[in-house]
N, C-alpha and C. Protein backbone atom coordinates (compact mmCIF):
# COMPACT_ATOMS: atom_id res chain seq x y z
N MET A 1 -16.27 44.79 -2.43
CA MET A 1 -14.92 44.37 -2.73
C MET A 1 -14.32 43.58 -1.55
N ARG A 2 -14.64 44.01 -0.34
CA ARG A 2 -14.10 43.34 0.85
C ARG A 2 -14.61 41.90 0.92
N HIS A 3 -15.90 41.67 0.59
CA HIS A 3 -16.46 40.32 0.64
C HIS A 3 -15.76 39.40 -0.35
N ARG A 4 -15.43 39.93 -1.54
CA ARG A 4 -14.74 39.12 -2.53
C ARG A 4 -13.36 38.70 -2.05
N SER A 5 -12.64 39.62 -1.42
CA SER A 5 -11.30 39.28 -0.95
C SER A 5 -11.36 38.28 0.21
N ILE A 6 -12.37 38.36 1.07
CA ILE A 6 -12.53 37.38 2.14
C ILE A 6 -12.87 36.02 1.55
N ARG A 7 -13.79 36.00 0.57
CA ARG A 7 -14.18 34.76 -0.07
C ARG A 7 -12.97 34.14 -0.79
N LEU A 8 -12.19 34.96 -1.49
CA LEU A 8 -11.02 34.48 -2.20
C LEU A 8 -9.99 33.92 -1.21
N ALA A 9 -9.79 34.61 -0.09
CA ALA A 9 -8.85 34.14 0.93
C ALA A 9 -9.31 32.80 1.50
N ALA A 10 -10.61 32.65 1.73
CA ALA A 10 -11.15 31.39 2.25
C ALA A 10 -10.96 30.26 1.24
N LEU A 11 -11.20 30.53 -0.05
CA LEU A 11 -11.01 29.52 -1.07
C LEU A 11 -9.54 29.12 -1.19
N LEU A 12 -8.65 30.11 -1.12
CA LEU A 12 -7.22 29.81 -1.19
C LEU A 12 -6.78 28.98 0.01
N ALA A 13 -7.30 29.29 1.19
CA ALA A 13 -6.96 28.51 2.39
C ALA A 13 -7.47 27.08 2.26
N LEU A 14 -8.71 26.92 1.75
CA LEU A 14 -9.27 25.58 1.56
C LEU A 14 -8.45 24.79 0.55
N ALA A 15 -8.03 25.43 -0.54
CA ALA A 15 -7.22 24.76 -1.55
C ALA A 15 -5.87 24.34 -0.97
N ALA A 16 -5.27 25.20 -0.16
CA ALA A 16 -3.99 24.87 0.46
C ALA A 16 -4.14 23.67 1.39
N LEU A 17 -5.22 23.61 2.16
CA LEU A 17 -5.45 22.46 3.04
C LEU A 17 -5.67 21.19 2.24
N THR A 18 -6.41 21.28 1.16
CA THR A 18 -6.68 20.11 0.33
C THR A 18 -5.40 19.57 -0.29
N LEU A 19 -4.54 20.47 -0.80
CA LEU A 19 -3.30 20.04 -1.41
C LEU A 19 -2.32 19.49 -0.39
N ALA A 20 -2.37 20.01 0.83
CA ALA A 20 -1.43 19.58 1.87
C ALA A 20 -1.90 18.34 2.60
N ALA A 21 -3.13 17.88 2.35
CA ALA A 21 -3.65 16.71 3.05
C ALA A 21 -2.83 15.48 2.69
N PRO A 22 -2.48 14.67 3.70
CA PRO A 22 -1.68 13.48 3.41
C PRO A 22 -2.50 12.46 2.63
N ALA A 23 -1.80 11.61 1.89
CA ALA A 23 -2.47 10.54 1.15
C ALA A 23 -3.10 9.58 2.15
N VAL A 24 -4.28 9.14 1.84
CA VAL A 24 -4.99 8.23 2.73
C VAL A 24 -4.64 6.80 2.34
N ALA A 25 -4.18 6.03 3.32
CA ALA A 25 -3.84 4.63 3.08
C ALA A 25 -5.12 3.80 3.04
N SER A 26 -5.02 2.60 2.53
CA SER A 26 -6.17 1.71 2.53
C SER A 26 -6.68 1.54 3.95
N PRO A 27 -8.01 1.55 4.14
CA PRO A 27 -8.54 1.44 5.50
C PRO A 27 -8.31 0.05 6.06
N GLN A 28 -7.80 0.00 7.29
CA GLN A 28 -7.60 -1.27 7.97
C GLN A 28 -8.82 -1.51 8.83
N VAL A 29 -9.43 -2.68 8.70
CA VAL A 29 -10.63 -3.01 9.43
C VAL A 29 -10.30 -4.07 10.46
N GLU A 30 -10.67 -3.83 11.70
CA GLU A 30 -10.50 -4.86 12.72
C GLU A 30 -11.74 -5.73 12.68
N VAL A 31 -11.61 -6.92 12.07
CA VAL A 31 -12.72 -7.83 11.86
C VAL A 31 -13.26 -8.34 13.20
N GLU A 32 -12.36 -8.63 14.11
CA GLU A 32 -12.66 -8.99 15.49
C GLU A 32 -11.39 -8.67 16.26
N PRO A 33 -11.40 -8.71 17.58
CA PRO A 33 -10.18 -8.35 18.31
C PRO A 33 -8.96 -9.16 17.84
N GLY A 34 -7.93 -8.46 17.41
CA GLY A 34 -6.70 -9.09 16.98
C GLY A 34 -6.67 -9.57 15.54
N VAL A 35 -7.72 -9.29 14.76
CA VAL A 35 -7.77 -9.71 13.36
C VAL A 35 -7.98 -8.47 12.50
N PHE A 36 -7.00 -8.16 11.65
CA PHE A 36 -7.02 -6.93 10.86
C PHE A 36 -7.01 -7.27 9.38
N LEU A 37 -7.93 -6.68 8.62
CA LEU A 37 -8.02 -6.89 7.18
C LEU A 37 -7.92 -5.54 6.49
N THR A 38 -7.08 -5.47 5.46
CA THR A 38 -6.97 -4.28 4.65
C THR A 38 -7.28 -4.66 3.20
N PRO A 39 -8.53 -4.42 2.75
CA PRO A 39 -8.84 -4.70 1.35
C PRO A 39 -8.20 -3.64 0.46
N ASP A 40 -7.94 -3.96 -0.79
CA ASP A 40 -7.27 -3.05 -1.73
C ASP A 40 -6.00 -2.48 -1.12
N ALA A 41 -5.21 -3.36 -0.55
CA ALA A 41 -4.02 -2.96 0.19
C ALA A 41 -2.93 -2.42 -0.73
N ASP A 42 -2.25 -1.38 -0.27
CA ASP A 42 -1.12 -0.79 -0.97
C ASP A 42 0.12 -1.60 -0.59
N PRO A 43 0.83 -2.17 -1.57
CA PRO A 43 1.99 -3.00 -1.22
C PRO A 43 3.09 -2.24 -0.50
N ASP A 44 3.23 -0.93 -0.77
CA ASP A 44 4.26 -0.15 -0.08
C ASP A 44 4.01 -0.09 1.42
N GLN A 45 2.76 -0.27 1.82
CA GLN A 45 2.40 -0.15 3.22
C GLN A 45 2.70 -1.44 4.00
N PHE A 46 2.69 -2.60 3.34
CA PHE A 46 2.77 -3.85 4.07
C PHE A 46 3.93 -4.76 3.71
N LEU A 47 4.55 -4.54 2.56
CA LEU A 47 5.56 -5.48 2.09
C LEU A 47 6.96 -4.89 2.12
N PRO A 48 7.97 -5.76 2.23
CA PRO A 48 9.34 -5.29 2.06
C PRO A 48 9.50 -4.70 0.66
N PRO A 49 10.41 -3.74 0.48
CA PRO A 49 10.52 -3.05 -0.81
C PRO A 49 10.64 -3.97 -2.02
N SER A 50 11.43 -5.03 -1.95
CA SER A 50 11.59 -5.91 -3.11
C SER A 50 10.28 -6.60 -3.46
N GLU A 51 9.47 -6.96 -2.47
CA GLU A 51 8.19 -7.61 -2.72
C GLU A 51 7.17 -6.60 -3.26
N ALA A 52 7.22 -5.36 -2.76
CA ALA A 52 6.31 -4.31 -3.24
C ALA A 52 6.55 -4.04 -4.73
N VAL A 53 7.82 -4.07 -5.15
CA VAL A 53 8.15 -3.87 -6.57
C VAL A 53 7.54 -4.99 -7.40
N LYS A 54 7.60 -6.24 -6.92
CA LYS A 54 7.02 -7.37 -7.64
C LYS A 54 5.52 -7.17 -7.84
N VAL A 55 4.82 -6.71 -6.81
CA VAL A 55 3.37 -6.50 -6.90
C VAL A 55 3.07 -5.39 -7.89
N LYS A 56 3.84 -4.29 -7.86
CA LYS A 56 3.60 -3.20 -8.80
C LYS A 56 3.80 -3.66 -10.24
N LYS A 57 4.83 -4.46 -10.49
CA LYS A 57 5.07 -4.98 -11.84
C LYS A 57 3.92 -5.90 -12.26
N LEU A 58 3.43 -6.71 -11.34
CA LEU A 58 2.30 -7.60 -11.62
C LEU A 58 1.07 -6.79 -12.02
N LYS A 59 0.78 -5.73 -11.26
CA LYS A 59 -0.39 -4.90 -11.57
C LYS A 59 -0.22 -4.16 -12.89
N GLU A 60 0.99 -3.67 -13.18
CA GLU A 60 1.23 -3.00 -14.46
C GLU A 60 1.04 -3.98 -15.62
N LYS A 61 1.49 -5.21 -15.43
CA LYS A 61 1.32 -6.24 -16.47
C LYS A 61 -0.16 -6.51 -16.70
N ASP A 62 -0.93 -6.68 -15.60
CA ASP A 62 -2.37 -6.91 -15.73
C ASP A 62 -3.07 -5.74 -16.40
N ALA A 63 -2.69 -4.51 -16.05
CA ALA A 63 -3.35 -3.32 -16.61
C ALA A 63 -3.02 -3.14 -18.09
N GLY A 64 -1.93 -3.74 -18.57
CA GLY A 64 -1.55 -3.60 -19.96
C GLY A 64 -2.28 -4.57 -20.88
N LEU A 65 -3.15 -5.40 -20.35
CA LEU A 65 -3.88 -6.38 -21.16
C LEU A 65 -5.14 -5.77 -21.75
N ASP A 66 -5.91 -6.56 -22.50
CA ASP A 66 -7.11 -6.04 -23.16
C ASP A 66 -8.15 -5.55 -22.13
N ALA A 67 -9.19 -4.86 -22.62
CA ALA A 67 -10.17 -4.21 -21.75
C ALA A 67 -10.88 -5.19 -20.83
N THR A 68 -11.14 -6.40 -21.28
CA THR A 68 -11.81 -7.39 -20.43
C THR A 68 -10.95 -7.72 -19.23
N ARG A 69 -9.65 -7.91 -19.46
CA ARG A 69 -8.74 -8.25 -18.36
C ARG A 69 -8.45 -7.06 -17.46
N VAL A 70 -8.52 -5.82 -18.00
CA VAL A 70 -8.26 -4.65 -17.17
C VAL A 70 -9.26 -4.60 -16.03
N ALA A 71 -10.51 -4.94 -16.33
CA ALA A 71 -11.54 -4.94 -15.29
C ALA A 71 -11.24 -5.99 -14.23
N MET A 72 -10.48 -7.03 -14.61
CA MET A 72 -10.14 -8.10 -13.68
C MET A 72 -8.70 -8.00 -13.19
N ALA A 73 -8.05 -6.86 -13.39
CA ALA A 73 -6.67 -6.70 -12.95
C ALA A 73 -6.56 -6.99 -11.46
N SER A 74 -5.40 -7.38 -11.04
CA SER A 74 -5.21 -7.83 -9.67
C SER A 74 -5.62 -6.79 -8.63
N SER A 75 -6.35 -7.29 -7.65
CA SER A 75 -6.61 -6.56 -6.42
C SER A 75 -5.82 -7.28 -5.34
N CYS A 76 -5.53 -6.61 -4.26
CA CYS A 76 -4.75 -7.24 -3.19
C CYS A 76 -5.41 -6.98 -1.85
N SER A 77 -5.21 -7.91 -0.93
CA SER A 77 -5.69 -7.74 0.45
C SER A 77 -4.59 -8.17 1.40
N ASN A 78 -4.66 -7.65 2.61
CA ASN A 78 -3.70 -7.96 3.65
C ASN A 78 -4.47 -8.40 4.88
N LEU A 79 -4.18 -9.60 5.38
CA LEU A 79 -4.84 -10.14 6.57
C LEU A 79 -3.77 -10.39 7.63
N VAL A 80 -3.96 -9.82 8.82
CA VAL A 80 -3.00 -9.99 9.91
C VAL A 80 -3.75 -10.53 11.12
N ILE A 81 -3.25 -11.63 11.67
CA ILE A 81 -3.81 -12.22 12.88
C ILE A 81 -2.84 -11.96 14.02
N GLN A 82 -3.35 -11.38 15.09
CA GLN A 82 -2.55 -11.14 16.29
C GLN A 82 -2.94 -12.19 17.31
N ASN A 83 -1.96 -12.90 17.84
CA ASN A 83 -2.23 -13.93 18.84
C ASN A 83 -1.47 -13.56 20.11
N THR A 84 -2.16 -13.60 21.22
CA THR A 84 -1.58 -13.17 22.49
C THR A 84 -1.70 -14.29 23.51
N VAL A 85 -0.59 -14.59 24.18
CA VAL A 85 -0.61 -15.51 25.31
C VAL A 85 -0.54 -14.68 26.57
N GLY A 86 -1.15 -15.16 27.62
CA GLY A 86 -1.14 -14.39 28.86
C GLY A 86 -1.48 -15.26 30.06
N ASN A 87 -1.57 -14.60 31.20
CA ASN A 87 -1.95 -15.29 32.42
C ASN A 87 -2.88 -14.40 33.23
N SER A 88 -3.33 -14.88 34.36
CA SER A 88 -4.35 -14.18 35.14
C SER A 88 -3.89 -12.84 35.70
N TRP A 89 -2.60 -12.59 35.83
CA TRP A 89 -2.16 -11.31 36.38
C TRP A 89 -1.68 -10.35 35.31
N GLY A 90 -2.07 -10.58 34.07
CA GLY A 90 -1.89 -9.55 33.05
C GLY A 90 -0.61 -9.58 32.24
N ALA A 91 0.31 -10.49 32.52
CA ALA A 91 1.52 -10.57 31.71
C ALA A 91 1.16 -11.25 30.40
N TYR A 92 1.73 -10.78 29.30
CA TYR A 92 1.38 -11.36 28.01
C TYR A 92 2.53 -11.25 27.01
N GLY A 93 2.45 -12.04 25.97
CA GLY A 93 3.36 -11.99 24.83
C GLY A 93 2.52 -12.04 23.57
N THR A 94 2.92 -11.33 22.54
CA THR A 94 2.11 -11.22 21.32
C THR A 94 2.96 -11.48 20.08
N HIS A 95 2.37 -12.17 19.12
CA HIS A 95 2.98 -12.31 17.81
C HIS A 95 1.91 -12.16 16.74
N HIS A 96 2.35 -11.91 15.51
CA HIS A 96 1.45 -11.66 14.38
C HIS A 96 1.83 -12.59 13.23
N THR A 97 0.82 -13.04 12.49
CA THR A 97 1.03 -13.76 11.24
C THR A 97 0.30 -12.98 10.15
N GLN A 98 0.96 -12.76 9.02
CA GLN A 98 0.44 -11.94 7.93
C GLN A 98 0.29 -12.76 6.66
N LEU A 99 -0.81 -12.53 5.95
CA LEU A 99 -1.03 -13.10 4.62
C LEU A 99 -1.42 -11.94 3.70
N TYR A 100 -0.58 -11.67 2.71
CA TYR A 100 -0.84 -10.62 1.73
C TYR A 100 -0.99 -11.33 0.40
N TRP A 101 -2.16 -11.20 -0.24
CA TRP A 101 -2.36 -11.89 -1.51
C TRP A 101 -3.05 -10.99 -2.52
N CYS A 102 -2.71 -11.23 -3.79
CA CYS A 102 -3.34 -10.53 -4.91
C CYS A 102 -4.12 -11.57 -5.69
N PHE A 103 -5.20 -11.12 -6.31
CA PHE A 103 -6.11 -12.05 -6.98
C PHE A 103 -6.80 -11.32 -8.13
N ASN A 104 -7.23 -12.09 -9.13
CA ASN A 104 -7.96 -11.49 -10.24
C ASN A 104 -9.34 -12.14 -10.40
N TYR A 105 -9.83 -12.71 -9.33
CA TYR A 105 -11.15 -13.35 -9.26
C TYR A 105 -11.19 -14.67 -10.01
N ALA A 106 -10.08 -15.08 -10.63
CA ALA A 106 -9.98 -16.40 -11.25
C ALA A 106 -8.91 -17.23 -10.55
N THR A 107 -7.78 -16.58 -10.25
CA THR A 107 -6.70 -17.26 -9.52
C THR A 107 -6.02 -16.26 -8.59
N VAL A 108 -5.23 -16.79 -7.69
CA VAL A 108 -4.33 -15.97 -6.88
C VAL A 108 -3.16 -15.62 -7.78
N THR A 109 -2.80 -14.34 -7.84
CA THR A 109 -1.70 -13.92 -8.72
C THR A 109 -0.41 -13.65 -7.96
N TYR A 110 -0.50 -13.49 -6.63
CA TYR A 110 0.69 -13.21 -5.81
C TYR A 110 0.37 -13.59 -4.37
N CYS A 111 1.35 -14.13 -3.67
CA CYS A 111 1.13 -14.53 -2.27
C CYS A 111 2.39 -14.25 -1.46
N PHE A 112 2.24 -13.52 -0.35
CA PHE A 112 3.35 -13.21 0.54
C PHE A 112 2.93 -13.56 1.96
N ARG A 113 3.79 -14.26 2.68
CA ARG A 113 3.50 -14.68 4.05
C ARG A 113 4.61 -14.19 4.96
N ASP A 114 4.25 -13.74 6.15
CA ASP A 114 5.26 -13.24 7.08
C ASP A 114 4.76 -13.41 8.50
N ARG A 115 5.66 -13.24 9.46
CA ARG A 115 5.30 -13.30 10.88
C ARG A 115 6.28 -12.44 11.67
N ALA A 116 5.81 -11.96 12.81
CA ALA A 116 6.64 -11.08 13.63
C ALA A 116 6.26 -11.24 15.10
N VAL A 117 7.18 -10.86 15.98
CA VAL A 117 6.98 -10.98 17.42
C VAL A 117 7.07 -9.60 18.05
N GLU A 118 6.15 -9.30 18.96
CA GLU A 118 6.25 -8.09 19.78
C GLU A 118 6.95 -8.48 21.08
N GLY A 119 7.73 -7.58 21.63
CA GLY A 119 8.47 -7.87 22.84
C GLY A 119 7.57 -8.10 24.04
N SER A 120 8.08 -8.85 24.98
CA SER A 120 7.38 -9.11 26.23
C SER A 120 8.42 -9.12 27.33
N ARG A 121 8.11 -8.50 28.44
CA ARG A 121 9.07 -8.46 29.54
C ARG A 121 9.01 -9.71 30.40
N ILE A 122 7.89 -10.42 30.39
CA ILE A 122 7.75 -11.57 31.28
C ILE A 122 7.71 -12.88 30.49
N TRP A 123 6.86 -12.95 29.46
CA TRP A 123 6.82 -14.14 28.62
C TRP A 123 8.04 -14.13 27.71
N VAL A 124 8.66 -15.29 27.53
CA VAL A 124 9.85 -15.41 26.69
C VAL A 124 9.45 -16.12 25.39
N PHE A 125 9.77 -15.47 24.26
CA PHE A 125 9.51 -16.09 22.97
C PHE A 125 10.61 -17.11 22.71
N GLU A 126 10.25 -18.39 22.62
CA GLU A 126 11.22 -19.47 22.44
C GLU A 126 11.48 -19.78 20.97
N GLY A 127 10.62 -19.28 20.08
CA GLY A 127 10.86 -19.49 18.64
C GLY A 127 9.62 -19.98 17.92
N TRP A 128 9.77 -20.07 16.61
CA TRP A 128 8.71 -20.59 15.75
C TRP A 128 8.90 -22.10 15.64
N ILE A 129 7.82 -22.86 15.82
CA ILE A 129 7.94 -24.31 15.75
C ILE A 129 7.16 -24.89 14.59
N GLY A 130 6.43 -24.07 13.87
CA GLY A 130 5.68 -24.58 12.74
C GLY A 130 5.49 -23.50 11.69
N TRP A 131 5.53 -23.92 10.43
CA TRP A 131 5.35 -23.00 9.30
C TRP A 131 4.90 -23.84 8.12
N LEU A 132 3.64 -23.75 7.77
CA LEU A 132 3.07 -24.53 6.68
C LEU A 132 2.48 -23.56 5.66
N THR A 133 2.79 -23.78 4.38
CA THR A 133 2.22 -22.93 3.33
C THR A 133 1.53 -23.82 2.31
N GLY A 134 0.60 -23.23 1.58
CA GLY A 134 -0.09 -23.95 0.53
C GLY A 134 -0.61 -22.99 -0.52
N GLY A 135 -0.96 -23.52 -1.68
CA GLY A 135 -1.48 -22.69 -2.75
C GLY A 135 -0.42 -21.70 -3.22
N GLY A 136 -0.87 -20.52 -3.59
CA GLY A 136 0.04 -19.48 -4.05
C GLY A 136 -0.33 -19.03 -5.45
N ALA A 137 0.59 -18.35 -6.11
CA ALA A 137 0.33 -17.81 -7.45
C ALA A 137 -0.07 -18.93 -8.40
N GLY A 138 -1.18 -18.72 -9.10
CA GLY A 138 -1.69 -19.70 -10.04
C GLY A 138 -2.71 -20.66 -9.44
N ALA A 139 -2.85 -20.65 -8.13
CA ALA A 139 -3.79 -21.55 -7.45
C ALA A 139 -5.09 -20.80 -7.10
N GLN A 140 -6.03 -21.50 -6.52
CA GLN A 140 -7.30 -20.91 -6.10
C GLN A 140 -7.22 -20.29 -4.71
N TYR A 141 -6.13 -20.54 -4.00
CA TYR A 141 -5.99 -20.03 -2.64
C TYR A 141 -4.52 -19.81 -2.30
N CYS A 142 -4.29 -19.11 -1.21
CA CYS A 142 -2.97 -18.89 -0.65
C CYS A 142 -3.12 -19.15 0.85
N ARG A 143 -2.24 -19.95 1.45
CA ARG A 143 -2.41 -20.34 2.84
C ARG A 143 -1.09 -20.21 3.59
N VAL A 144 -1.22 -19.85 4.89
CA VAL A 144 -0.09 -19.93 5.80
C VAL A 144 -0.61 -20.38 7.16
N LYS A 145 0.08 -21.34 7.75
CA LYS A 145 -0.21 -21.78 9.12
C LYS A 145 1.09 -21.66 9.89
N SER A 146 1.01 -20.99 11.02
CA SER A 146 2.21 -20.70 11.80
C SER A 146 1.95 -21.04 13.26
N GLN A 147 3.00 -21.53 13.95
CA GLN A 147 2.87 -21.83 15.38
C GLN A 147 4.11 -21.33 16.10
N ALA A 148 3.89 -20.77 17.29
CA ALA A 148 4.97 -20.22 18.10
C ALA A 148 5.08 -20.98 19.42
N HIS A 149 6.21 -20.80 20.09
CA HIS A 149 6.42 -21.37 21.42
C HIS A 149 6.76 -20.23 22.38
N TRP A 150 5.93 -20.03 23.39
CA TRP A 150 6.15 -19.02 24.43
C TRP A 150 6.36 -19.72 25.76
N LYS A 151 7.23 -19.15 26.61
CA LYS A 151 7.50 -19.72 27.93
C LYS A 151 7.37 -18.63 28.98
N LEU A 152 6.71 -18.98 30.09
CA LEU A 152 6.63 -18.10 31.25
C LEU A 152 7.48 -18.73 32.34
N PRO A 153 8.70 -18.18 32.57
CA PRO A 153 9.56 -18.74 33.61
C PRO A 153 8.98 -18.43 35.00
N ARG A 154 8.99 -19.43 35.87
CA ARG A 154 8.49 -19.23 37.24
C ARG A 154 9.52 -19.82 38.20
N PRO A 155 10.36 -18.98 38.78
CA PRO A 155 11.39 -19.48 39.70
C PRO A 155 10.77 -20.31 40.83
N GLY A 156 11.33 -21.49 41.04
CA GLY A 156 10.84 -22.37 42.10
C GLY A 156 9.63 -23.19 41.70
N LEU A 157 9.05 -22.92 40.53
CA LEU A 157 7.89 -23.66 40.03
C LEU A 157 8.17 -24.09 38.59
N PRO A 158 7.42 -25.06 38.09
CA PRO A 158 7.61 -25.43 36.67
C PRO A 158 7.24 -24.25 35.75
N ASP A 159 8.00 -24.11 34.68
CA ASP A 159 7.69 -23.07 33.70
C ASP A 159 6.36 -23.39 33.02
N VAL A 160 5.69 -22.34 32.53
CA VAL A 160 4.46 -22.51 31.76
C VAL A 160 4.82 -22.36 30.29
N HIS A 161 4.35 -23.29 29.46
CA HIS A 161 4.61 -23.25 28.02
C HIS A 161 3.29 -23.15 27.28
N LYS A 162 3.24 -22.30 26.27
CA LYS A 162 2.06 -22.19 25.41
C LYS A 162 2.51 -22.21 23.96
N TYR A 163 1.62 -22.77 23.10
CA TYR A 163 1.94 -22.98 21.69
C TYR A 163 0.82 -22.43 20.81
N PRO A 164 0.67 -21.11 20.72
CA PRO A 164 -0.41 -20.54 19.91
C PRO A 164 -0.16 -20.73 18.41
N TRP A 165 -1.24 -20.88 17.65
CA TRP A 165 -1.15 -21.08 16.21
C TRP A 165 -2.19 -20.24 15.49
N GLU A 166 -1.94 -19.99 14.20
CA GLU A 166 -2.84 -19.26 13.32
C GLU A 166 -2.85 -19.98 11.98
N ASP A 167 -4.00 -20.04 11.34
CA ASP A 167 -4.14 -20.66 10.02
C ASP A 167 -4.94 -19.67 9.16
N LEU A 168 -4.31 -19.08 8.15
CA LEU A 168 -4.92 -18.05 7.32
C LEU A 168 -5.04 -18.52 5.87
N TYR A 169 -6.17 -18.21 5.25
CA TYR A 169 -6.41 -18.51 3.84
C TYR A 169 -6.87 -17.24 3.13
N GLY A 170 -6.34 -16.98 1.94
CA GLY A 170 -6.84 -15.95 1.04
C GLY A 170 -7.22 -16.62 -0.26
N TYR A 171 -8.36 -16.27 -0.82
CA TYR A 171 -8.87 -16.97 -1.99
C TYR A 171 -8.85 -16.09 -3.25
N ALA A 172 -8.92 -16.74 -4.41
CA ALA A 172 -8.91 -16.06 -5.70
C ALA A 172 -10.10 -15.12 -5.85
N SER A 173 -11.16 -15.34 -5.09
CA SER A 173 -12.35 -14.48 -5.14
C SER A 173 -12.18 -13.21 -4.30
N GLY A 174 -11.11 -13.16 -3.50
CA GLY A 174 -10.89 -12.04 -2.57
C GLY A 174 -11.38 -12.36 -1.17
N ALA A 175 -12.09 -13.46 -1.00
CA ALA A 175 -12.55 -13.87 0.33
C ALA A 175 -11.38 -14.36 1.17
N TYR A 176 -11.59 -14.50 2.45
CA TYR A 176 -10.55 -14.99 3.36
C TYR A 176 -11.21 -15.85 4.45
N ASN A 177 -10.36 -16.61 5.14
CA ASN A 177 -10.81 -17.42 6.26
C ASN A 177 -9.62 -17.58 7.19
N TYR A 178 -9.88 -17.74 8.46
CA TYR A 178 -8.78 -17.92 9.42
C TYR A 178 -9.29 -18.67 10.64
N SER A 179 -8.35 -19.27 11.35
CA SER A 179 -8.63 -19.84 12.67
C SER A 179 -7.37 -19.66 13.50
N ARG A 180 -7.53 -19.71 14.80
CA ARG A 180 -6.38 -19.56 15.71
C ARG A 180 -6.69 -20.25 17.02
N GLY A 181 -5.65 -20.60 17.75
CA GLY A 181 -5.85 -21.25 19.04
C GLY A 181 -4.53 -21.45 19.75
N GLY A 182 -4.56 -22.28 20.79
CA GLY A 182 -3.34 -22.60 21.53
C GLY A 182 -2.95 -21.59 22.58
N THR A 183 -3.80 -20.62 22.85
CA THR A 183 -3.45 -19.63 23.87
C THR A 183 -4.12 -19.99 25.16
């Protein structure tokens, strides 16, 4: 009888741990340093609330179609490029460009582009100087190209200016491509 109660207690403890386990978000993969891809991305994790609602409605619409289209219902991916400017003594400034796209293997069904800046105590973010988009919903691809202006003030010397850029593509097949430079 004692063994049964121990076994039952162990099973109940395991069940409690399983039920209390947090939901697992889509795995984020660092493709290379500063490049993050999240396949099958959850829109609640990456998009502003109003955009996440649009994606959910899009997926519900796709899932409501015939069986052939259900298999091709929209999947989404999130690609984030981190670009860092710096100098030889370790001071740096960082910004990110994001491309979130949904696709059904025939066309892009949704495209969201964003960018953000991380603070820097030495490098000064002077602003965004470029923003180019292409493709989008209904096209074969979704694109964003972004460029920033960073300044390193040097009292008594000329300031240092850098203009890093990122160019991201997401395709209807779910594939992606990117390039970056200017650092």
